[in-house]
C-alpha atoms as a PDB file:
ATOM      1  CA  UNK A   1      38.065  61.490  31.215  1.00  0.00           C
ATOM      2  CA  UNK A   2      37.544  59.814  34.521  1.00  0.00           C
ATOM      3  CA  UNK A   3      40.450  57.994  35.911  1.00  0.00           C
ATOM      4  CA  UNK A   4      40.149  54.108  35.849  1.00  0.00           C
ATOM      5  CA  UNK A   5      40.583  53.939  39.459  1.00  0.00           C
ATOM      6  CA  UNK A   6      37.121  55.014  39.870  1.00  0.00           C
ATOM      7  CA  UNK A   7      35.947  51.713  38.460  1.00  0.00           C
ATOM      8  CA  UNK A   8      38.546  49.490  39.989  1.00  0.00           C
ATOM      9  CA  UNK A   9      39.388  45.823  39.655  1.00  0.00           C
ATOM     10  CA  UNK A  10      37.004  43.097  40.762  1.00  0.00           C
ATOM     11  CA  UNK A  11      39.288  42.479  43.824  1.00  0.00           C
ATOM     12  CA  UNK A  12      39.324  46.235  44.701  1.00  0.00           C
ATOM     13  CA  UNK A  13      35.482  46.260  44.228  1.00  0.00           C
ATOM     14  CA  UNK A  14      35.026  43.175  46.598  1.00  0.00           C
ATOM     15  CA  UNK A  15      37.657  44.638  48.995  1.00  0.00           C
ATOM     16  CA  UNK A  16      35.989  47.845  49.133  1.00  0.00           C
ATOM     17  CA  UNK A  17      32.374  46.411  49.653  1.00  0.00           C
ATOM     18  CA  UNK A  18      33.574  44.217  52.489  1.00  0.00           C
ATOM     19  CA  UNK A  19      35.528  47.148  54.016  1.00  0.00           C
ATOM     20  CA  UNK A  20      32.683  49.411  53.650  1.00  0.00           C
ATOM     21  CA  UNK A  21      30.056  47.089  54.995  1.00  0.00           C
ATOM     22  CA  UNK A  22      32.188  46.557  57.873  1.00  0.00           C
ATOM     23  CA  UNK A  23      32.472  50.332  58.432  1.00  0.00           C
ATOM     24  CA  UNK A  24      28.847  50.804  58.008  1.00  0.00           C
ATOM     25  CA  UNK A  25      28.144  48.140  60.662  1.00  0.00           C
ATOM     26  CA  UNK A  26      30.613  49.548  62.937  1.00  0.00           C
ATOM     27  CA  UNK A  27      28.821  52.972  62.439  1.00  0.00           C
ATOM     28  CA  UNK A  28      25.931  51.722  64.447  1.00  0.00           C
ATOM     29  CA  UNK A  29      27.914  51.776  67.544  1.00  0.00           C
ATOM     30  CA  UNK A  30      29.929  54.916  66.797  1.00  0.00           C
ATOM     31  CA  UNK A  31      27.249  57.082  64.860  1.00  0.00           C
ATOM     32  CA  UNK A  32      26.297  56.908  61.242  1.00  0.00           C
ATOM     33  CA  UNK A  33      28.442  59.728  60.030  1.00  0.00           C
ATOM     34  CA  UNK A  34      31.450  58.421  61.976  1.00  0.00           C
ATOM     35  CA  UNK A  35      30.807  55.113  60.449  1.00  0.00           C
ATOM     36  CA  UNK A  36      30.894  56.239  57.067  1.00  0.00           C
ATOM     37  CA  UNK A  37      34.148  58.150  57.649  1.00  0.00           C
ATOM     38  CA  UNK A  38      35.720  54.901  59.205  1.00  0.00           C
ATOM     39  CA  UNK A  39      34.542  53.149  55.937  1.00  0.00           C
ATOM     40  CA  UNK A  40      36.070  55.762  53.727  1.00  0.00           C
ATOM     41  CA  UNK A  41      39.459  55.927  55.852  1.00  0.00           C
ATOM     42  CA  UNK A  42      39.745  52.126  55.767  1.00  0.00           C
ATOM     43  CA  UNK A  43      39.089  51.563  52.225  1.00  0.00           C
ATOM     44  CA  UNK A  44      41.640  49.369  50.459  1.00  0.00           C
ATOM     45  CA  UNK A  45      43.898  51.157  47.891  1.00  0.00           C
END
């Protein structure tokens, strides 16, 4: 069975989406892959 953390709470999903979006937008200034890495490293939880 997959761990429940994969789904996350609504608050987690909202926080992740916000952080991912910010990281994605920042990616346009630092490079696409670096932006995705930034989003991954800064995700809540």
